[in-house]
Amino acid sequence: MQKFYIASIFIFCSFFISNAQNDPAAKKVIDAFGSKVKASKGITASFSLKSFNSKGKANGTKALSLSMRGEKYLLKQGKTEIICDGKSVYNFDGAKTITKSAVEENSQTLSPQKLLAGSYDKDFSYKLTNSKGNFNVIEMVPLDKRKNFQKVTLFFNKKTSVLSKASILDKSNNITELGVSNINLNAKLADILFVFNRSNYPKDVEILD
């Protein structure tokens, strides 16, 4: 799988948008979902992650799960997982290594925490590209060209205002598609879920700061 952070694009877009250069119709759609997320005290969701190379060849499908509360989250895919306690991010590769970094060091990636930070009016230009059928489709382009992706396309269910799918185009023209399912915006999550515990991992795992 391409960098595990890609999974985080998907779910929650609580963008507090005020940039006049952006599309008011897109703002309305994003705000409708953002208000649900902002009011939530705990969120869980499941995803299917599909990746395609620049020639359109499929690289398989993976299942992921996310638990999130405020700035904290736990993201899992098989034995691989990422824990964020709000200050530090612990990325376990599922085998021998855990990489620890400060939240600020992940500035070029997309994460659940950043999607909830409410600052994307400064980071993206966006517009509503299609409102036919069952979805409102919004295209988002990063203003900072140093980001490691070119474009994000979000699909919001018209009836529920919930994000149903996301598509990420990276700098190499690879595409990652994320299908969102089983979202619970009223999940009760214990504090310990977001606490890194070294004893939960194999003894020979190396921690890299």
N, C-alpha and C. Protein backbone atom coordinates (compact mmCIF):
# COMPACT_ATOMS: atom_id res chain seq x y z
N MET A 1 0.85 -1.19 0.00
CA MET A 1 0.00 0.00 0.00
C MET A 1 0.88 1.24 0.00
N GLN A 2 0.47 2.27 -0.75
CA GLN A 2 1.19 3.51 -0.69
C GLN A 2 1.05 4.02 0.73
N LYS A 3 1.80 5.04 1.05
CA LYS A 3 1.89 5.47 2.44
C LYS A 3 0.53 5.39 3.14
N PHE A 4 0.57 4.84 4.33
CA PHE A 4 -0.66 4.54 5.05
C PHE A 4 -1.48 5.80 5.33
N TYR A 5 -0.83 6.95 5.38
CA TYR A 5 -1.55 8.20 5.67
C TYR A 5 -2.66 8.46 4.66
N ILE A 6 -2.54 7.92 3.45
CA ILE A 6 -3.52 8.20 2.41
C ILE A 6 -4.92 7.82 2.88
N ALA A 7 -4.99 6.82 3.73
CA ALA A 7 -6.29 6.39 4.20
C ALA A 7 -7.03 7.49 4.92
N SER A 8 -6.31 8.46 5.39
CA SER A 8 -6.97 9.46 6.19
C SER A 8 -7.73 10.53 5.44
N ILE A 9 -7.70 10.53 4.16
CA ILE A 9 -8.36 11.59 3.40
C ILE A 9 -9.87 11.55 3.53
N PHE A 10 -10.34 10.51 3.61
CA PHE A 10 -11.68 9.96 3.50
C PHE A 10 -12.73 10.52 4.34
N ILE A 11 -12.66 10.48 5.50
CA ILE A 11 -13.89 10.58 6.18
C ILE A 11 -14.35 11.94 6.50
N PHE A 12 -13.58 12.70 7.10
CA PHE A 12 -14.19 13.81 7.78
C PHE A 12 -13.64 15.14 7.36
N CYS A 13 -14.52 15.97 6.88
CA CYS A 13 -14.14 17.23 6.31
C CYS A 13 -14.77 18.35 7.09
N SER A 14 -14.35 18.59 8.28
CA SER A 14 -14.92 19.67 9.04
C SER A 14 -14.13 20.93 8.73
N PHE A 15 -14.27 21.40 7.52
CA PHE A 15 -13.54 22.57 7.06
C PHE A 15 -14.36 23.81 7.40
N PHE A 16 -13.77 24.78 8.07
CA PHE A 16 -14.46 26.03 8.35
C PHE A 16 -14.01 27.02 7.29
N ILE A 17 -14.75 27.08 6.21
CA ILE A 17 -14.26 27.70 4.99
C ILE A 17 -14.77 29.13 4.85
N SER A 18 -13.86 30.05 4.52
CA SER A 18 -14.26 31.43 4.35
C SER A 18 -13.56 32.10 3.17
N ASN A 19 -12.75 31.34 2.46
CA ASN A 19 -11.98 31.90 1.36
C ASN A 19 -12.88 32.22 0.18
N ALA A 20 -12.95 33.48 -0.22
CA ALA A 20 -13.89 33.92 -1.24
C ALA A 20 -13.60 33.32 -2.61
N GLN A 21 -12.38 32.85 -2.84
CA GLN A 21 -12.04 32.32 -4.16
C GLN A 21 -12.67 30.95 -4.39
N ASN A 22 -13.23 30.36 -3.34
CA ASN A 22 -13.79 29.03 -3.47
C ASN A 22 -15.29 29.07 -3.73
N ASP A 23 -15.79 27.93 -4.16
CA ASP A 23 -17.16 27.78 -4.62
C ASP A 23 -18.14 27.73 -3.44
N PRO A 24 -19.08 28.67 -3.34
CA PRO A 24 -20.05 28.67 -2.24
C PRO A 24 -20.90 27.40 -2.21
N ALA A 25 -21.19 26.82 -3.38
CA ALA A 25 -21.97 25.59 -3.43
C ALA A 25 -21.20 24.43 -2.79
N ALA A 26 -19.88 24.39 -3.03
CA ALA A 26 -19.05 23.35 -2.42
C ALA A 26 -18.95 23.57 -0.91
N LYS A 27 -18.84 24.81 -0.51
CA LYS A 27 -18.77 25.16 0.91
C LYS A 27 -20.00 24.65 1.66
N LYS A 28 -21.15 24.80 1.05
CA LYS A 28 -22.40 24.37 1.68
C LYS A 28 -22.40 22.86 1.92
N VAL A 29 -21.94 22.12 0.92
CA VAL A 29 -21.90 20.65 1.03
C VAL A 29 -20.92 20.22 2.12
N ILE A 30 -19.72 20.81 2.10
CA ILE A 30 -18.69 20.44 3.08
C ILE A 30 -19.12 20.82 4.49
N ASP A 31 -19.71 22.00 4.64
CA ASP A 31 -20.13 22.45 5.96
C ASP A 31 -21.22 21.55 6.55
N ALA A 32 -22.09 21.01 5.69
CA ALA A 32 -23.16 20.13 6.18
C ALA A 32 -22.57 18.90 6.86
N PHE A 33 -21.52 18.34 6.26
CA PHE A 33 -20.86 17.19 6.89
C PHE A 33 -19.98 17.63 8.04
N GLY A 34 -19.29 18.74 7.87
CA GLY A 34 -18.41 19.25 8.91
C GLY A 34 -19.14 19.50 10.21
N SER A 35 -20.38 19.98 10.14
CA SER A 35 -21.14 20.25 11.36
C SER A 35 -21.45 18.97 12.11
N LYS A 36 -21.67 17.87 11.36
CA LYS A 36 -21.92 16.58 12.00
C LYS A 36 -20.67 16.09 12.73
N VAL A 37 -19.54 16.25 12.08
CA VAL A 37 -18.28 15.81 12.67
C VAL A 37 -17.92 16.65 13.88
N LYS A 38 -18.09 17.94 13.76
CA LYS A 38 -17.76 18.84 14.86
C LYS A 38 -18.58 18.53 16.10
N ALA A 39 -19.83 18.13 15.92
CA ALA A 39 -20.71 17.85 17.05
C ALA A 39 -20.45 16.47 17.66
N SER A 40 -19.70 15.63 16.96
CA SER A 40 -19.47 14.27 17.42
C SER A 40 -18.44 14.20 18.55
N LYS A 41 -18.68 13.32 19.50
CA LYS A 41 -17.73 13.09 20.59
C LYS A 41 -16.89 11.84 20.36
N GLY A 42 -17.23 11.11 19.32
CA GLY A 42 -16.47 9.91 18.97
C GLY A 42 -16.92 9.38 17.62
N ILE A 43 -15.98 8.93 16.80
CA ILE A 43 -16.30 8.48 15.45
C ILE A 43 -15.57 7.17 15.16
N THR A 44 -16.29 6.24 14.55
CA THR A 44 -15.68 5.03 14.02
C THR A 44 -16.14 4.85 12.58
N ALA A 45 -15.31 4.23 11.77
CA ALA A 45 -15.66 4.00 10.36
C ALA A 45 -14.81 2.89 9.79
N SER A 46 -15.32 2.27 8.74
CA SER A 46 -14.59 1.24 7.99
C SER A 46 -14.38 1.72 6.57
N PHE A 47 -13.30 1.24 5.93
CA PHE A 47 -12.97 1.68 4.59
C PHE A 47 -12.51 0.51 3.72
N SER A 48 -12.71 0.67 2.43
CA SER A 48 -12.05 -0.20 1.45
C SER A 48 -11.11 0.70 0.67
N LEU A 49 -9.86 0.29 0.58
CA LEU A 49 -8.83 1.10 -0.06
C LEU A 49 -8.35 0.40 -1.33
N LYS A 50 -8.55 1.06 -2.48
CA LYS A 50 -8.13 0.53 -3.76
C LYS A 50 -7.09 1.47 -4.37
N SER A 51 -6.04 0.90 -4.93
CA SER A 51 -5.00 1.73 -5.54
C SER A 51 -4.79 1.31 -7.00
N PHE A 52 -4.48 2.30 -7.83
CA PHE A 52 -4.26 2.07 -9.25
C PHE A 52 -3.00 2.82 -9.67
N ASN A 53 -2.17 2.20 -10.51
CA ASN A 53 -0.98 2.89 -10.97
C ASN A 53 -1.34 3.89 -12.07
N SER A 54 -0.37 4.61 -12.56
CA SER A 54 -0.62 5.67 -13.54
C SER A 54 -1.21 5.16 -14.85
N LYS A 55 -1.10 3.85 -15.10
CA LYS A 55 -1.65 3.26 -16.31
C LYS A 55 -3.03 2.65 -16.07
N GLY A 56 -3.53 2.80 -14.85
CA GLY A 56 -4.86 2.30 -14.53
C GLY A 56 -4.91 0.87 -14.04
N LYS A 57 -3.75 0.24 -13.86
CA LYS A 57 -3.72 -1.13 -13.37
C LYS A 57 -4.00 -1.17 -11.88
N ALA A 58 -4.93 -2.03 -11.47
CA ALA A 58 -5.30 -2.15 -10.07
C ALA A 58 -4.21 -2.85 -9.28
N ASN A 59 -3.96 -2.36 -8.08
CA ASN A 59 -2.95 -2.95 -7.20
C ASN A 59 -3.56 -3.67 -6.01
N GLY A 60 -4.85 -3.97 -6.09
CA GLY A 60 -5.50 -4.69 -5.01
C GLY A 60 -6.35 -3.82 -4.11
N THR A 61 -7.04 -4.47 -3.18
CA THR A 61 -7.94 -3.79 -2.25
C THR A 61 -7.58 -4.16 -0.83
N LYS A 62 -7.63 -3.20 0.06
CA LYS A 62 -7.34 -3.44 1.47
C LYS A 62 -8.47 -2.88 2.32
N ALA A 63 -8.66 -3.47 3.50
CA ALA A 63 -9.69 -3.01 4.43
C ALA A 63 -9.02 -2.26 5.57
N LEU A 64 -9.61 -1.14 5.97
CA LEU A 64 -9.07 -0.32 7.05
C LEU A 64 -10.18 0.05 8.02
N SER A 65 -9.76 0.43 9.23
CA SER A 65 -10.72 0.91 10.21
C SER A 65 -10.14 2.13 10.92
N LEU A 66 -11.02 3.01 11.34
CA LEU A 66 -10.61 4.24 12.01
C LEU A 66 -11.46 4.49 13.23
N SER A 67 -10.80 4.87 14.32
CA SER A 67 -11.48 5.37 15.52
C SER A 67 -10.91 6.75 15.78
N MET A 68 -11.76 7.72 16.06
CA MET A 68 -11.29 9.09 16.21
C MET A 68 -12.10 9.83 17.26
N ARG A 69 -11.41 10.62 18.04
CA ARG A 69 -12.06 11.51 18.99
C ARG A 69 -11.24 12.78 19.10
N GLY A 70 -11.81 13.88 18.66
CA GLY A 70 -11.07 15.14 18.68
C GLY A 70 -9.82 15.05 17.84
N GLU A 71 -8.67 15.35 18.43
CA GLU A 71 -7.40 15.32 17.71
C GLU A 71 -6.71 13.97 17.78
N LYS A 72 -7.33 13.00 18.41
CA LYS A 72 -6.73 11.69 18.58
C LYS A 72 -7.37 10.68 17.64
N TYR A 73 -6.57 9.72 17.15
CA TYR A 73 -7.13 8.70 16.28
C TYR A 73 -6.31 7.43 16.31
N LEU A 74 -6.94 6.35 15.91
CA LEU A 74 -6.30 5.04 15.73
C LEU A 74 -6.73 4.52 14.37
N LEU A 75 -5.76 4.28 13.50
CA LEU A 75 -6.01 3.83 12.14
C LEU A 75 -5.36 2.47 11.96
N LYS A 76 -6.12 1.47 11.50
CA LYS A 76 -5.60 0.11 11.37
C LYS A 76 -5.84 -0.47 9.98
N GLN A 77 -4.83 -1.23 9.51
CA GLN A 77 -4.95 -2.01 8.28
C GLN A 77 -4.15 -3.28 8.50
N GLY A 78 -4.87 -4.38 8.76
CA GLY A 78 -4.18 -5.62 9.09
C GLY A 78 -3.36 -5.44 10.37
N LYS A 79 -2.07 -5.80 10.34
CA LYS A 79 -1.19 -5.62 11.49
C LYS A 79 -0.60 -4.22 11.56
N THR A 80 -0.79 -3.46 10.50
CA THR A 80 -0.25 -2.11 10.47
C THR A 80 -1.20 -1.16 11.18
N GLU A 81 -0.64 -0.20 11.93
CA GLU A 81 -1.51 0.76 12.59
C GLU A 81 -0.81 2.08 12.86
N ILE A 82 -1.60 3.10 12.99
CA ILE A 82 -1.10 4.42 13.36
C ILE A 82 -1.92 4.90 14.55
N ILE A 83 -1.21 5.33 15.60
CA ILE A 83 -1.86 5.91 16.77
C ILE A 83 -1.42 7.35 16.91
N CYS A 84 -2.37 8.24 17.07
CA CYS A 84 -2.06 9.65 17.34
C CYS A 84 -2.72 10.03 18.65
N ASP A 85 -1.91 10.48 19.62
CA ASP A 85 -2.45 10.88 20.91
C ASP A 85 -2.69 12.38 20.99
N GLY A 86 -2.59 13.05 19.85
CA GLY A 86 -2.79 14.50 19.81
C GLY A 86 -1.50 15.28 19.75
N LYS A 87 -0.41 14.65 20.20
CA LYS A 87 0.90 15.29 20.18
C LYS A 87 1.91 14.51 19.34
N SER A 88 1.87 13.20 19.48
CA SER A 88 2.80 12.34 18.75
C SER A 88 2.05 11.33 17.90
N VAL A 89 2.70 10.89 16.81
CA VAL A 89 2.14 9.89 15.92
C VAL A 89 3.06 8.67 15.94
N TYR A 90 2.49 7.49 16.21
CA TYR A 90 3.25 6.25 16.24
C TYR A 90 2.78 5.37 15.09
N ASN A 91 3.69 5.08 14.17
CA ASN A 91 3.37 4.33 12.96
C ASN A 91 4.05 2.97 13.02
N PHE A 92 3.27 1.91 13.24
CA PHE A 92 3.79 0.54 13.32
C PHE A 92 3.64 -0.12 11.96
N ASP A 93 4.76 -0.63 11.42
CA ASP A 93 4.75 -1.20 10.08
C ASP A 93 4.21 -2.63 10.04
N GLY A 94 3.78 -3.14 11.19
CA GLY A 94 3.21 -4.48 11.24
C GLY A 94 4.22 -5.57 11.44
N ALA A 95 5.50 -5.20 11.53
CA ALA A 95 6.56 -6.22 11.63
C ALA A 95 7.60 -5.86 12.68
N LYS A 96 8.56 -5.00 12.32
CA LYS A 96 9.73 -4.78 13.16
C LYS A 96 9.95 -3.34 13.60
N THR A 97 9.18 -2.39 13.06
CA THR A 97 9.52 -0.99 13.31
C THR A 97 8.31 -0.14 13.68
N ILE A 98 8.53 0.72 14.68
CA ILE A 98 7.56 1.76 15.02
C ILE A 98 8.26 3.10 14.84
N THR A 99 7.70 3.95 14.02
CA THR A 99 8.27 5.28 13.79
C THR A 99 7.46 6.30 14.57
N LYS A 100 8.15 7.04 15.42
CA LYS A 100 7.49 8.07 16.22
C LYS A 100 7.83 9.45 15.66
N SER A 101 6.83 10.30 15.53
CA SER A 101 7.06 11.65 15.05
C SER A 101 6.07 12.60 15.71
N ALA A 102 6.43 13.87 15.73
CA ALA A 102 5.51 14.88 16.26
C ALA A 102 4.44 15.16 15.22
N VAL A 103 3.27 15.54 15.68
CA VAL A 103 2.17 15.84 14.77
C VAL A 103 2.60 16.88 13.74
N GLU A 104 3.39 17.87 14.16
CA GLU A 104 3.81 18.94 13.25
C GLU A 104 4.69 18.43 12.11
N GLU A 105 5.39 17.32 12.33
CA GLU A 105 6.31 16.79 11.32
C GLU A 105 5.57 16.15 10.15
N ASN A 106 4.26 15.96 10.26
CA ASN A 106 3.48 15.33 9.21
C ASN A 106 2.76 16.36 8.35
N SER A 107 3.36 17.51 8.18
CA SER A 107 2.70 18.63 7.51
C SER A 107 2.41 18.38 6.03
N GLN A 108 3.12 17.45 5.39
CA GLN A 108 2.89 17.21 3.97
C GLN A 108 1.93 16.05 3.72
N THR A 109 1.35 15.50 4.78
CA THR A 109 0.44 14.39 4.61
C THR A 109 -0.97 14.78 5.04
N LEU A 110 -1.92 13.94 4.68
CA LEU A 110 -3.30 14.13 5.07
C LEU A 110 -3.60 13.18 6.22
N SER A 111 -4.19 13.69 7.26
CA SER A 111 -4.51 12.85 8.41
C SER A 111 -5.88 13.22 8.94
N PRO A 112 -6.52 12.31 9.68
CA PRO A 112 -7.80 12.65 10.30
C PRO A 112 -7.70 13.89 11.16
N GLN A 113 -6.59 14.01 11.87
CA GLN A 113 -6.40 15.16 12.74
C GLN A 113 -6.43 16.47 11.96
N LYS A 114 -5.72 16.49 10.83
CA LYS A 114 -5.65 17.72 10.04
C LYS A 114 -6.96 18.02 9.33
N LEU A 115 -7.68 16.97 8.96
CA LEU A 115 -8.96 17.20 8.32
C LEU A 115 -9.97 17.80 9.29
N LEU A 116 -9.72 17.62 10.58
CA LEU A 116 -10.60 18.19 11.59
C LEU A 116 -10.09 19.50 12.14
N ALA A 117 -8.95 19.96 11.65
CA ALA A 117 -8.32 21.14 12.23
C ALA A 117 -9.00 22.44 11.84
N GLY A 118 -9.80 22.41 10.77
CA GLY A 118 -10.53 23.60 10.39
C GLY A 118 -9.70 24.66 9.70
N SER A 119 -8.64 24.28 9.00
CA SER A 119 -7.77 25.27 8.37
C SER A 119 -7.65 25.07 6.87
N TYR A 120 -8.53 24.27 6.29
CA TYR A 120 -8.37 23.94 4.88
C TYR A 120 -8.82 25.04 3.94
N ASP A 121 -9.43 26.08 4.47
CA ASP A 121 -9.74 27.23 3.63
C ASP A 121 -8.45 27.90 3.17
N LYS A 122 -7.37 27.71 3.91
CA LYS A 122 -6.08 28.29 3.56
C LYS A 122 -5.21 27.34 2.74
N ASP A 123 -5.58 26.07 2.73
CA ASP A 123 -4.74 25.05 2.09
C ASP A 123 -5.24 24.57 0.73
N PHE A 124 -6.53 24.77 0.45
CA PHE A 124 -7.11 24.23 -0.77
C PHE A 124 -7.91 25.27 -1.55
N SER A 125 -7.95 25.07 -2.86
CA SER A 125 -9.01 25.66 -3.67
C SER A 125 -9.97 24.52 -3.97
N TYR A 126 -11.26 24.78 -4.04
CA TYR A 126 -12.22 23.70 -4.20
C TYR A 126 -13.46 24.19 -4.94
N LYS A 127 -14.14 23.23 -5.58
CA LYS A 127 -15.35 23.59 -6.31
C LYS A 127 -16.25 22.36 -6.44
N LEU A 128 -17.54 22.62 -6.57
CA LEU A 128 -18.51 21.57 -6.81
C LEU A 128 -18.51 21.29 -8.30
N THR A 129 -18.14 20.07 -8.69
CA THR A 129 -18.00 19.75 -10.11
C THR A 129 -19.19 18.98 -10.68
N ASN A 130 -19.98 18.35 -9.80
CA ASN A 130 -21.12 17.58 -10.28
C ASN A 130 -22.13 17.41 -9.15
N SER A 131 -23.38 17.67 -9.42
CA SER A 131 -24.43 17.48 -8.41
C SER A 131 -25.56 16.61 -8.95
N LYS A 132 -25.32 15.91 -10.06
CA LYS A 132 -26.32 15.02 -10.62
C LYS A 132 -26.28 13.67 -9.91
N GLY A 133 -27.38 12.95 -9.97
CA GLY A 133 -27.41 11.63 -9.36
C GLY A 133 -27.47 11.68 -7.85
N ASN A 134 -26.83 10.71 -7.19
CA ASN A 134 -26.94 10.55 -5.73
C ASN A 134 -25.86 11.29 -4.95
N PHE A 135 -24.87 11.87 -5.65
CA PHE A 135 -23.74 12.46 -4.95
C PHE A 135 -23.46 13.90 -5.38
N ASN A 136 -22.96 14.66 -4.43
CA ASN A 136 -22.34 15.94 -4.71
C ASN A 136 -20.84 15.69 -4.79
N VAL A 137 -20.22 16.05 -5.91
CA VAL A 137 -18.81 15.77 -6.12
C VAL A 137 -18.01 17.07 -6.02
N ILE A 138 -17.01 17.07 -5.15
CA ILE A 138 -16.20 18.25 -4.92
C ILE A 138 -14.74 17.95 -5.22
N GLU A 139 -14.12 18.81 -5.98
CA GLU A 139 -12.72 18.67 -6.34
C GLU A 139 -11.89 19.67 -5.53
N MET A 140 -10.84 19.17 -4.89
CA MET A 140 -9.99 20.01 -4.04
C MET A 140 -8.55 19.93 -4.53
N VAL A 141 -7.92 21.08 -4.72
CA VAL A 141 -6.54 21.15 -5.20
C VAL A 141 -5.71 21.90 -4.17
N PRO A 142 -4.59 21.32 -3.71
CA PRO A 142 -3.77 22.01 -2.70
C PRO A 142 -3.10 23.26 -3.27
N LEU A 143 -3.10 24.32 -2.49
CA LEU A 143 -2.46 25.56 -2.92
C LEU A 143 -0.94 25.44 -2.82
N ASP A 144 -0.47 24.63 -1.89
CA ASP A 144 0.96 24.39 -1.72
C ASP A 144 1.37 23.26 -2.64
N LYS A 145 2.10 23.56 -3.69
CA LYS A 145 2.47 22.56 -4.68
C LYS A 145 3.52 21.57 -4.17
N ARG A 146 4.00 21.78 -2.96
CA ARG A 146 4.95 20.83 -2.37
C ARG A 146 4.23 19.61 -1.79
N LYS A 147 2.93 19.69 -1.66
CA LYS A 147 2.18 18.55 -1.15
C LYS A 147 2.43 17.34 -2.05
N ASN A 148 2.32 16.15 -1.46
CA ASN A 148 2.63 14.95 -2.22
C ASN A 148 1.43 14.36 -2.94
N PHE A 149 0.43 15.18 -3.20
CA PHE A 149 -0.71 14.78 -4.02
C PHE A 149 -1.16 15.97 -4.85
N GLN A 150 -1.78 15.68 -5.99
CA GLN A 150 -2.22 16.74 -6.90
C GLN A 150 -3.64 17.20 -6.66
N LYS A 151 -4.50 16.23 -6.35
CA LYS A 151 -5.92 16.55 -6.30
C LYS A 151 -6.66 15.53 -5.44
N VAL A 152 -7.71 16.00 -4.77
CA VAL A 152 -8.58 15.12 -4.00
C VAL A 152 -10.01 15.34 -4.48
N THR A 153 -10.71 14.27 -4.78
CA THR A 153 -12.11 14.37 -5.19
C THR A 153 -12.97 13.68 -4.14
N LEU A 154 -13.96 14.40 -3.62
CA LEU A 154 -14.82 13.89 -2.56
C LEU A 154 -16.24 13.69 -3.07
N PHE A 155 -16.87 12.58 -2.66
CA PHE A 155 -18.23 12.26 -3.06
C PHE A 155 -19.12 12.23 -1.81
N PHE A 156 -20.05 13.17 -1.72
CA PHE A 156 -20.94 13.26 -0.57
C PHE A 156 -22.34 12.76 -0.93
N ASN A 157 -22.87 11.88 -0.10
CA ASN A 157 -24.23 11.38 -0.28
C ASN A 157 -25.22 12.52 -0.09
N LYS A 158 -26.08 12.74 -1.07
CA LYS A 158 -27.02 13.85 -1.01
C LYS A 158 -28.03 13.71 0.13
N LYS A 159 -28.48 12.49 0.38
CA LYS A 159 -29.52 12.28 1.39
C LYS A 159 -28.99 12.41 2.82
N THR A 160 -27.79 11.92 3.05
CA THR A 160 -27.26 11.89 4.41
C THR A 160 -26.23 12.98 4.70
N SER A 161 -25.72 13.63 3.65
CA SER A 161 -24.65 14.65 3.76
C SER A 161 -23.33 14.05 4.23
N VAL A 162 -23.20 12.73 4.20
CA VAL A 162 -22.00 12.04 4.68
C VAL A 162 -21.08 11.72 3.51
N LEU A 163 -19.78 11.78 3.76
CA LEU A 163 -18.80 11.43 2.74
C LEU A 163 -18.86 9.93 2.45
N SER A 164 -19.01 9.57 1.18
CA SER A 164 -19.13 8.17 0.79
C SER A 164 -17.88 7.63 0.11
N LYS A 165 -17.15 8.50 -0.57
CA LYS A 165 -15.96 8.04 -1.29
C LYS A 165 -15.01 9.21 -1.49
N ALA A 166 -13.72 8.87 -1.60
CA ALA A 166 -12.71 9.87 -1.91
C ALA A 166 -11.71 9.28 -2.90
N SER A 167 -11.17 10.12 -3.76
CA SER A 167 -10.18 9.70 -4.73
C SER A 167 -9.01 10.66 -4.66
N ILE A 168 -7.79 10.11 -4.52
CA ILE A 168 -6.59 10.94 -4.37
C ILE A 168 -5.66 10.68 -5.55
N LEU A 169 -5.30 11.72 -6.26
CA LEU A 169 -4.34 11.63 -7.36
C LEU A 169 -3.00 12.15 -6.87
N ASP A 170 -1.96 11.28 -6.87
CA ASP A 170 -0.68 11.71 -6.34
C ASP A 170 0.21 12.31 -7.43
N LYS A 171 1.43 12.69 -7.05
CA LYS A 171 2.33 13.38 -7.96
C LYS A 171 2.81 12.47 -9.11
N SER A 172 2.69 11.17 -8.94
CA SER A 172 3.11 10.23 -9.97
C SER A 172 1.93 9.73 -10.81
N ASN A 173 0.77 10.37 -10.63
CA ASN A 173 -0.46 10.02 -11.35
C ASN A 173 -1.03 8.67 -10.94
N ASN A 174 -0.63 8.19 -9.76
CA ASN A 174 -1.28 7.02 -9.19
C ASN A 174 -2.56 7.49 -8.51
N ILE A 175 -3.55 6.62 -8.46
CA ILE A 175 -4.83 6.98 -7.85
C ILE A 175 -5.15 6.04 -6.70
N THR A 176 -5.58 6.60 -5.60
CA THR A 176 -6.05 5.82 -4.47
C THR A 176 -7.52 6.16 -4.25
N GLU A 177 -8.37 5.14 -4.24
CA GLU A 177 -9.79 5.34 -4.00
C GLU A 177 -10.17 4.75 -2.66
N LEU A 178 -10.93 5.52 -1.90
CA LEU A 178 -11.32 5.08 -0.57
C LEU A 178 -12.84 5.08 -0.46
N GLY A 179 -13.40 3.90 -0.22
CA GLY A 179 -14.83 3.78 0.00
C GLY A 179 -15.10 3.79 1.49
N VAL A 180 -16.07 4.58 1.91
CA VAL A 180 -16.37 4.74 3.33
C VAL A 180 -17.66 4.00 3.69
N SER A 181 -17.62 3.24 4.78
CA SER A 181 -18.82 2.50 5.21
C SER A 181 -18.87 2.42 6.73
N ASN A 182 -20.04 2.08 7.22
CA ASN A 182 -20.24 1.85 8.66
C ASN A 182 -19.77 3.02 9.52
N ILE A 183 -20.10 4.22 9.13
CA ILE A 183 -19.73 5.39 9.94
C ILE A 183 -20.65 5.52 11.15
N ASN A 184 -20.07 5.65 12.31
CA ASN A 184 -20.81 5.92 13.55
C ASN A 184 -20.31 7.23 14.12
N LEU A 185 -21.13 8.24 14.10
CA LEU A 185 -20.73 9.56 14.59
C LEU A 185 -21.02 9.74 16.07
N ASN A 186 -21.51 8.68 16.71
CA ASN A 186 -21.83 8.75 18.14
C ASN A 186 -21.16 7.63 18.92
N ALA A 187 -19.96 7.28 18.50
CA ALA A 187 -19.24 6.18 19.14
C ALA A 187 -18.68 6.59 20.51
N LYS A 188 -18.73 5.67 21.45
CA LYS A 188 -18.14 5.88 22.77
C LYS A 188 -16.77 5.21 22.79
N LEU A 189 -15.72 6.03 22.86
CA LEU A 189 -14.36 5.52 22.76
C LEU A 189 -13.58 5.78 24.04
N ALA A 190 -12.94 4.75 24.56
CA ALA A 190 -12.17 4.87 25.80
C ALA A 190 -10.87 5.62 25.57
N ASP A 191 -10.41 6.36 26.57
CA ASP A 191 -9.16 7.12 26.47
C ASP A 191 -7.97 6.24 26.11
N ILE A 192 -7.93 5.04 26.69
CA ILE A 192 -6.77 4.16 26.51
C ILE A 192 -6.59 3.74 25.04
N LEU A 193 -7.62 3.85 24.24
CA LEU A 193 -7.55 3.48 22.84
C LEU A 193 -6.51 4.30 22.09
N PHE A 194 -6.27 5.53 22.54
CA PHE A 194 -5.37 6.45 21.86
C PHE A 194 -4.04 6.64 22.58
N VAL A 195 -3.74 5.75 23.51
CA VAL A 195 -2.49 5.81 24.26
C VAL A 195 -1.53 4.75 23.72
N PHE A 196 -0.35 5.17 23.32
CA PHE A 196 0.65 4.21 22.84
C PHE A 196 1.20 3.41 24.00
N ASN A 197 1.18 2.08 23.85
CA ASN A 197 1.66 1.17 24.90
C ASN A 197 2.67 0.21 24.27
N ARG A 198 3.92 0.37 24.63
CA ARG A 198 5.00 -0.45 24.05
C ARG A 198 4.76 -1.94 24.25
N SER A 199 4.13 -2.33 25.34
CA SER A 199 3.93 -3.74 25.64
C SER A 199 2.94 -4.42 24.70
N ASN A 200 2.22 -3.64 23.91
CA ASN A 200 1.26 -4.23 22.97
C ASN A 200 1.92 -4.74 21.70
N TYR A 201 3.23 -4.53 21.56
CA TYR A 201 3.94 -4.88 20.34
C TYR A 201 5.02 -5.91 20.64
N PRO A 202 5.47 -6.64 19.62
CA PRO A 202 6.53 -7.64 19.84
C PRO A 202 7.77 -7.05 20.50
N LYS A 203 8.46 -7.85 21.28
CA LYS A 203 9.62 -7.37 22.04
C LYS A 203 10.77 -6.89 21.16
N ASP A 204 10.87 -7.46 19.96
CA ASP A 204 11.99 -7.10 19.10
C ASP A 204 11.69 -5.90 18.18
N VAL A 205 10.56 -5.26 18.36
CA VAL A 205 10.23 -4.09 17.55
C VAL A 205 11.11 -2.91 17.92
N GLU A 206 11.66 -2.24 16.91
CA GLU A 206 12.51 -1.08 17.12
C GLU A 206 11.71 0.20 17.00
N ILE A 207 11.92 1.13 17.94
CA ILE A 207 11.23 2.42 17.90
C ILE A 207 12.19 3.47 17.38
N LEU A 208 11.82 4.11 16.30
CA LEU A 208 12.64 5.15 15.68
C LEU A 208 12.02 6.52 15.91
N ASP A 209 12.77 7.43 16.52
CA ASP A 209 12.28 8.80 16.75
C ASP A 209 12.67 9.70 15.60
